[in-house]
Protein backbone atom coordinates (compact mmCIF):
# COMPACT_ATOMS: atom_id res chain seq x y z
CA UNK A 1 -8.73 -6.93 -18.29
CA UNK A 2 -7.30 -5.26 -15.17
CA UNK A 3 -4.48 -7.19 -13.53
CA UNK A 4 -5.80 -9.20 -10.57
CA UNK A 5 -3.32 -9.12 -7.70
CA UNK A 6 -5.45 -10.89 -5.05
CA UNK A 7 -7.64 -13.95 -5.55
CA UNK A 8 -9.98 -15.18 -2.82
CA UNK A 9 -12.88 -17.63 -2.79
CA UNK A 10 -14.34 -19.90 -0.10
CA UNK A 11 -11.34 -19.95 2.21
CA UNK A 12 -8.71 -20.07 -0.57
CA UNK A 13 -6.35 -17.11 -0.99
CA UNK A 14 -3.56 -16.49 -3.46
CA UNK A 15 -1.60 -13.36 -4.32
CA UNK A 16 0.38 -12.20 -7.32
CA UNK A 17 4.01 -12.46 -6.16
CA UNK A 18 5.24 -8.96 -6.92
CA UNK A 19 8.85 -9.92 -6.24
CA UNK A 20 8.87 -12.04 -9.41
CA UNK A 21 7.61 -9.28 -11.70
CA UNK A 22 8.16 -8.44 -14.47
CA UNK A 23 9.97 -11.64 -15.45
CA UNK A 24 7.38 -14.06 -14.13
CA UNK A 25 3.65 -13.80 -13.42
CA UNK A 26 2.95 -16.29 -10.66
CA UNK A 27 0.42 -16.55 -7.85
CA UNK A 28 1.43 -17.75 -4.40
CA UNK A 29 -1.01 -19.54 -2.10
CA UNK A 30 -1.55 -18.00 1.33
CA UNK A 31 -2.60 -20.79 3.68
CA UNK A 32 -2.47 -19.13 7.10
CA UNK A 33 -1.82 -15.90 8.98
CA UNK A 34 1.93 -16.51 9.08
CA UNK A 35 1.98 -16.88 5.29
CA UNK A 36 0.14 -13.56 5.05
CA UNK A 37 2.55 -11.87 7.48
CA UNK A 38 5.57 -13.08 5.53
CA UNK A 39 4.08 -12.03 2.17
CA UNK A 40 3.41 -8.53 3.53
CA UNK A 41 6.77 -8.19 5.28
CA UNK A 42 8.77 -9.39 2.27
CA UNK A 43 6.78 -7.03 -0.01
CA UNK A 44 5.30 -9.74 -2.17
CA UNK A 45 2.21 -7.59 -1.82
CA UNK A 46 2.41 -3.80 -1.73
CA UNK A 47 0.16 -0.83 -1.07
CA UNK A 48 -1.62 -0.07 2.21
CA UNK A 49 -5.12 -1.17 1.10
CA UNK A 50 -3.83 -4.42 -0.40
CA UNK A 51 -1.79 -5.12 2.74
CA UNK A 52 -4.94 -4.92 4.85
CA UNK A 53 -6.90 -7.10 2.43
CA UNK A 54 -4.27 -9.84 2.34
CA UNK A 55 -3.81 -9.68 6.11
CA UNK A 56 -7.52 -9.97 6.89
CA UNK A 57 -8.10 -12.66 4.27
CA UNK A 58 -5.15 -14.70 5.56
CA UNK A 59 -6.97 -14.76 8.89
CA UNK A 60 -10.18 -15.78 7.14
CA UNK A 61 -8.32 -18.66 5.48
CA UNK A 62 -6.98 -19.86 8.83
CA UNK A 63 -10.38 -19.58 10.50
CA UNK A 64 -11.86 -21.78 7.76
CA UNK A 65 -9.49 -24.57 8.81
CA UNK A 66 -9.66 -24.32 12.59
CA UNK A 67 -12.18 -25.37 15.18
CA UNK A 68 -12.62 -23.65 18.54
CA UNK A 69 -14.19 -25.05 21.70
CA UNK A 70 -15.99 -21.81 22.49
CA UNK A 71 -16.40 -18.16 21.49
CA UNK A 72 -13.82 -16.77 23.97
CA UNK A 73 -11.18 -19.06 22.46
CA UNK A 74 -12.07 -17.82 18.99
CA UNK A 75 -12.01 -14.21 20.14
CA UNK A 76 -8.57 -14.57 21.76
CA UNK A 77 -7.16 -16.23 18.65
CA UNK A 78 -8.50 -13.53 16.31
CA UNK A 79 -7.13 -10.69 18.45
CA UNK A 80 -3.68 -12.29 18.72
CA UNK A 81 -3.44 -12.93 14.98
CA UNK A 82 -4.62 -9.43 14.02
CA UNK A 83 -2.12 -7.87 16.43
CA UNK A 84 0.63 -9.98 14.85
CA UNK A 85 -0.37 -8.90 11.33
CA UNK A 86 -0.05 -5.20 12.21
CA UNK A 87 3.66 -5.69 12.90
CA UNK A 88 4.48 -6.69 9.31
CA UNK A 89 4.49 -3.13 7.86
CA UNK A 90 3.81 -0.68 10.72
CA UNK A 91 3.82 2.57 8.70
CA UNK A 92 0.85 1.49 6.56
CA UNK A 93 -2.28 2.41 8.52
CA UNK A 94 -4.86 0.14 6.84
CA UNK A 95 -3.91 -3.11 8.55
CA UNK A 96 -4.05 -1.52 11.98
CA UNK A 97 -7.41 0.13 11.27
CA UNK A 98 -8.85 -3.10 9.89
CA UNK A 99 -7.58 -5.00 12.92
CA UNK A 100 -9.25 -2.50 15.26
CA UNK A 101 -12.55 -2.74 13.37
CA UNK A 102 -12.54 -6.54 13.42
CA UNK A 103 -11.56 -6.73 17.08
CA UNK A 104 -14.41 -4.36 17.96
CA UNK A 105 -16.77 -6.51 15.90
CA UNK A 106 -15.69 -9.72 17.63
CA UNK A 107 -15.99 -8.08 21.06
CA UNK A 108 -19.55 -7.05 20.24
CA UNK A 109 -20.37 -10.62 19.22
CA UNK A 110 -18.96 -11.93 22.50
CA UNK A 111 -20.99 -9.37 24.48
CA UNK A 112 -24.15 -10.47 22.63
CA UNK A 113 -23.34 -14.13 23.41
CA UNK A 114 -23.28 -14.99 19.71
CA UNK A 115 -21.95 -18.52 19.19
CA UNK A 116 -18.66 -18.85 17.35
CA UNK A 117 -20.37 -20.77 14.55
CA UNK A 118 -22.46 -17.65 13.76
CA UNK A 119 -19.59 -15.17 13.52
CA UNK A 120 -18.96 -14.31 9.88
CA UNK A 121 -16.31 -11.72 9.15
CA UNK A 122 -16.44 -10.18 5.68
CA UNK A 123 -13.73 -7.98 4.21
CA UNK A 124 -15.00 -4.98 2.22
CA UNK A 125 -11.94 -2.91 1.38
CA UNK A 126 -11.49 -1.35 -2.06
CA UNK A 127 -8.09 -1.03 -3.72
CA UNK A 128 -7.56 2.51 -4.88
CA UNK A 129 -3.89 3.01 -5.91
CA UNK A 130 -2.47 5.79 -8.11
CA UNK A 131 -2.64 3.38 -11.04
CA UNK A 132 -6.41 3.35 -10.55
CA UNK A 133 -6.47 7.10 -11.20
CA UNK A 134 -4.28 6.60 -14.25
CA UNK A 135 -6.56 3.86 -15.60
CA UNK A 136 -9.59 6.13 -15.22
CA UNK A 137 -7.88 8.98 -17.07
CA UNK A 138 -6.79 6.61 -19.80
CA UNK A 139 -10.28 5.13 -20.18
CA UNK A 140 -11.73 8.64 -20.47
CA UNK A 141 -9.10 9.49 -23.14
CA UNK A 142 -7.69 12.31 -21.01
CA UNK A 143 -4.21 10.85 -20.78
CA UNK A 144 -1.40 11.38 -23.28
CA UNK A 145 1.45 9.67 -21.43
CA UNK A 146 2.53 8.53 -17.97
CA UNK A 147 6.06 8.88 -16.64
CA UNK A 148 6.66 6.37 -13.86
CA UNK A 149 9.74 6.36 -11.67
CA UNK A 150 11.84 3.29 -10.95
CA UNK A 151 11.23 3.81 -7.19
CA UNK A 152 14.55 2.85 -5.71
CA UNK A 153 15.75 1.09 -3.70
CA UNK A 154 13.18 -1.69 -4.11
CA UNK A 155 12.31 -0.81 -7.70
CA UNK A 156 8.56 -1.23 -7.40
CA UNK A 157 8.11 1.30 -10.20
CA UNK A 158 10.25 -0.49 -12.75
CA UNK A 159 9.16 -3.98 -11.65
CA UNK A 160 5.48 -3.47 -10.86
CA UNK A 161 4.04 -0.10 -11.93
CA UNK A 162 5.61 -0.39 -15.38
CA UNK A 163 4.28 -3.95 -15.61
CA UNK A 164 0.76 -2.79 -14.72
CA UNK A 165 0.86 0.07 -17.22
CA UNK A 166 1.99 -2.19 -20.05
CA UNK A 167 -0.55 -4.85 -19.08
CA UNK A 168 -3.32 -2.23 -19.37
CA UNK A 169 -1.88 -0.73 -22.59
CA UNK A 170 -1.40 2.70 -21.03
CA UNK A 171 1.12 4.87 -22.93
CA UNK A 172 4.00 5.18 -20.52
CA UNK A 173 7.71 5.84 -20.09
CA UNK A 174 9.98 4.64 -17.30
CA UNK A 175 12.49 7.09 -15.81
CA UNK A 176 15.10 6.93 -13.06
CA UNK A 177 14.21 8.63 -9.79
CA UNK A 178 16.95 11.20 -10.39
CA UNK A 179 15.32 12.32 -13.66
CA UNK A 180 12.12 13.72 -12.13
CA UNK A 181 13.25 17.35 -12.06
CA UNK A 182 14.40 17.31 -15.67
CA UNK A 183 11.21 15.63 -16.86
CA UNK A 184 9.13 18.28 -15.09
CA UNK A 185 11.15 21.08 -16.66
CA UNK A 186 11.22 19.72 -20.23
CA UNK A 187 8.30 17.36 -20.86
CA UNK A 188 5.20 19.44 -20.08
CA UNK A 189 4.04 17.44 -17.06
CA UNK A 190 0.49 18.50 -16.14
CA UNK A 191 0.06 16.66 -12.83
CA UNK A 192 1.74 14.32 -10.35
CA UNK A 193 -0.21 11.49 -8.70
CA UNK A 194 1.23 9.42 -5.87
CA UNK A 195 -0.23 7.06 -3.29
CA UNK A 196 -0.24 7.11 0.49
CA UNK A 197 0.08 4.52 3.22
CA UNK A 198 -1.16 6.92 5.91
CA UNK A 199 -2.87 10.33 5.93
CA UNK A 200 -2.83 12.25 9.22
CA UNK A 201 -5.51 14.59 10.56
CA UNK A 202 -3.85 17.71 9.15
CA UNK A 203 -3.38 16.15 5.70
CA UNK A 204 0.30 15.19 5.89
CA UNK A 205 0.90 11.91 4.04
CA UNK A 206 3.38 9.05 4.36
CA UNK A 207 4.29 7.24 1.16
CA UNK A 208 7.13 5.35 -0.47
CA UNK A 209 10.53 6.94 0.10
CA UNK A 210 11.23 9.55 -2.57
CA UNK A 211 7.71 11.00 -2.61
CA UNK A 212 8.69 14.06 -0.57
CA UNK A 213 11.36 15.20 -3.02
CA UNK A 214 8.94 14.77 -5.94
CA UNK A 215 6.45 16.99 -4.11
CA UNK A 216 9.13 19.65 -3.60
CA UNK A 217 10.04 19.54 -7.29
CA UNK A 218 6.38 19.73 -8.32
CA UNK A 219 5.88 22.86 -6.23
CA UNK A 220 9.00 24.46 -7.72
CA UNK A 221 7.71 23.82 -11.25
CA UNK A 222 4.13 24.83 -10.48
CA UNK A 223 2.72 21.36 -11.17
CA UNK A 224 -0.38 20.17 -9.21
CA UNK A 225 0.54 17.38 -6.78
CA UNK A 226 -2.19 14.84 -5.96
CA UNK A 227 -2.31 12.02 -3.44
CA UNK A 228 -4.59 9.03 -4.19
CA UNK A 229 -5.64 7.53 -0.86
CA UNK A 230 -8.87 5.73 0.08
CA UNK A 231 -10.55 6.69 3.33
CA UNK A 232 -9.10 3.54 4.92
CA UNK A 233 -5.65 5.18 4.70
CA UNK A 234 -6.76 8.18 6.79
CA UNK A 235 -5.53 8.15 10.39
CA UNK A 236 -7.51 10.65 12.42
CA UNK A 237 -5.67 9.58 15.55
CA UNK A 238 -2.44 11.24 14.43
CA UNK A 239 -2.34 15.02 14.26
CA UNK A 240 0.51 15.35 11.76
CA UNK A 241 3.25 13.52 9.93
CA UNK A 242 5.83 14.04 12.66
CA UNK A 243 4.07 11.38 14.74
CA UNK A 244 4.21 8.67 12.04
CA UNK A 245 6.56 5.78 12.79
CA UNK A 246 8.71 5.25 9.69
CA UNK A 247 9.58 1.64 8.92
CA UNK A 248 13.25 0.92 8.18
CA UNK A 249 14.13 -1.93 5.84
CA UNK A 250 17.19 -4.25 5.84
CA UNK A 251 20.45 -2.85 4.36
CA UNK A 252 20.64 -5.52 1.63
CA UNK A 253 17.54 -4.07 -0.05
CA UNK A 254 19.60 -0.91 -0.64
CA UNK A 255 22.97 -2.44 -1.42
CA UNK A 256 21.77 -5.28 -3.66
CA UNK A 257 19.58 -5.56 -6.76
CA UNK A 258 18.28 -9.00 -7.75
CA UNK A 259 20.88 -10.57 -5.50
CA UNK A 260 23.79 -8.65 -7.05
CA UNK A 261 25.90 -6.64 -4.58
CA UNK A 262 26.28 -3.06 -5.86
CA UNK A 263 27.79 -1.31 -2.85
CA UNK A 264 30.96 -2.18 -0.91
CA UNK A 265 30.46 -5.01 1.55
CA UNK A 266 29.64 -3.89 5.11
CA UNK A 267 28.94 -0.33 3.96
CA UNK A 268 26.86 1.50 6.56
CA UNK A 269 23.28 2.02 5.31
CA UNK A 270 20.17 3.96 6.26
CA UNK A 271 17.12 2.54 4.49
CA UNK A 272 13.80 4.15 5.53
CA UNK A 273 10.93 2.72 3.50
CA UNK A 274 8.76 5.86 3.65
CA UNK A 275 8.94 9.63 3.91
CA UNK A 276 6.35 12.24 4.87
CA UNK A 277 4.99 14.89 2.50
CA UNK A 278 3.76 18.00 4.38
CA UNK A 279 0.19 19.06 3.57
CA UNK A 280 1.27 22.39 2.04
CA UNK A 281 2.97 20.51 -0.82
CA UNK A 282 -0.24 18.64 -1.76
CA UNK A 283 -1.40 21.41 -4.06
CA UNK A 284 -3.78 19.40 -6.25
CA UNK A 285 -5.63 17.62 -3.45
CA UNK A 286 -6.21 14.21 -1.92
CA UNK A 287 -8.21 11.87 -4.16
CA UNK A 288 -10.58 9.55 -2.28
CA UNK A 289 -13.50 7.34 -3.25
CA UNK A 290 -15.74 10.20 -2.04
CA UNK A 291 -14.15 12.94 -4.12
CA UNK A 292 -11.08 15.20 -4.17
CA UNK A 293 -10.34 17.30 -1.09
CA UNK A 294 -7.68 19.73 0.04
CA UNK A 295 -5.68 18.41 3.01
CA UNK A 296 -7.49 20.78 5.38
CA UNK A 297 -10.95 19.74 4.13
CA UNK A 298 -10.41 16.19 5.34
């Protein structure tokens, strides 16, 4: 059974707390928009599609509990909460796009004089991470082994990706980020698959910090480099990656691991959470739910 990271039913939402993995598998209840914002900001939930899902469903949970005197009051509340949710992880495009879609929907309901009791917002996003591609290859028996990186400084690879791969019984090996070049040179790597939190109009992609250097190494070794990104991650409003605002995380996420200080106290830090991979390095293509495309075909 595939690991379920988000659970929602009838106004009740809970998420798999990814900060506790791999030592503990525990679900945290999300009871309101602020709970959703904090879960996204603290990276208890990761991945652009999942961020949007949790954000929108946290609003759904809050709407289940509240009463509004009229439709304008409901509309104002929804817009304010959606705007707040987009500030949690600004580089990931999905939350902002979902917010815009829902705000447009609510505006149309207000224009049509639909009563607030009749407004029913349904979330229909699909999660489509790189591990989804890996699962499909494994199910089709086209996969010999996966090498996953630790993904410093927040270690999502060693804490979460490795956990998912073992949960799904996918043959896999964990490596340090600094081993990627050697693995490509010596282990017969046939393809690289990464995710994306935003894809610009020209096919540049923003993803977890460290992706860019893997793309450079893949090109040097002649290995196809793929980006797995659902259409919801595509931002047609931005021409290229230079215009993407890169989120910067707190210094302690770089200097500490599991609460243990590794660097000298008060050491100056630069901790961008994402980097941009130029379209010319995406040699394999961009994998979407509608097929695989070159960056320029998008």
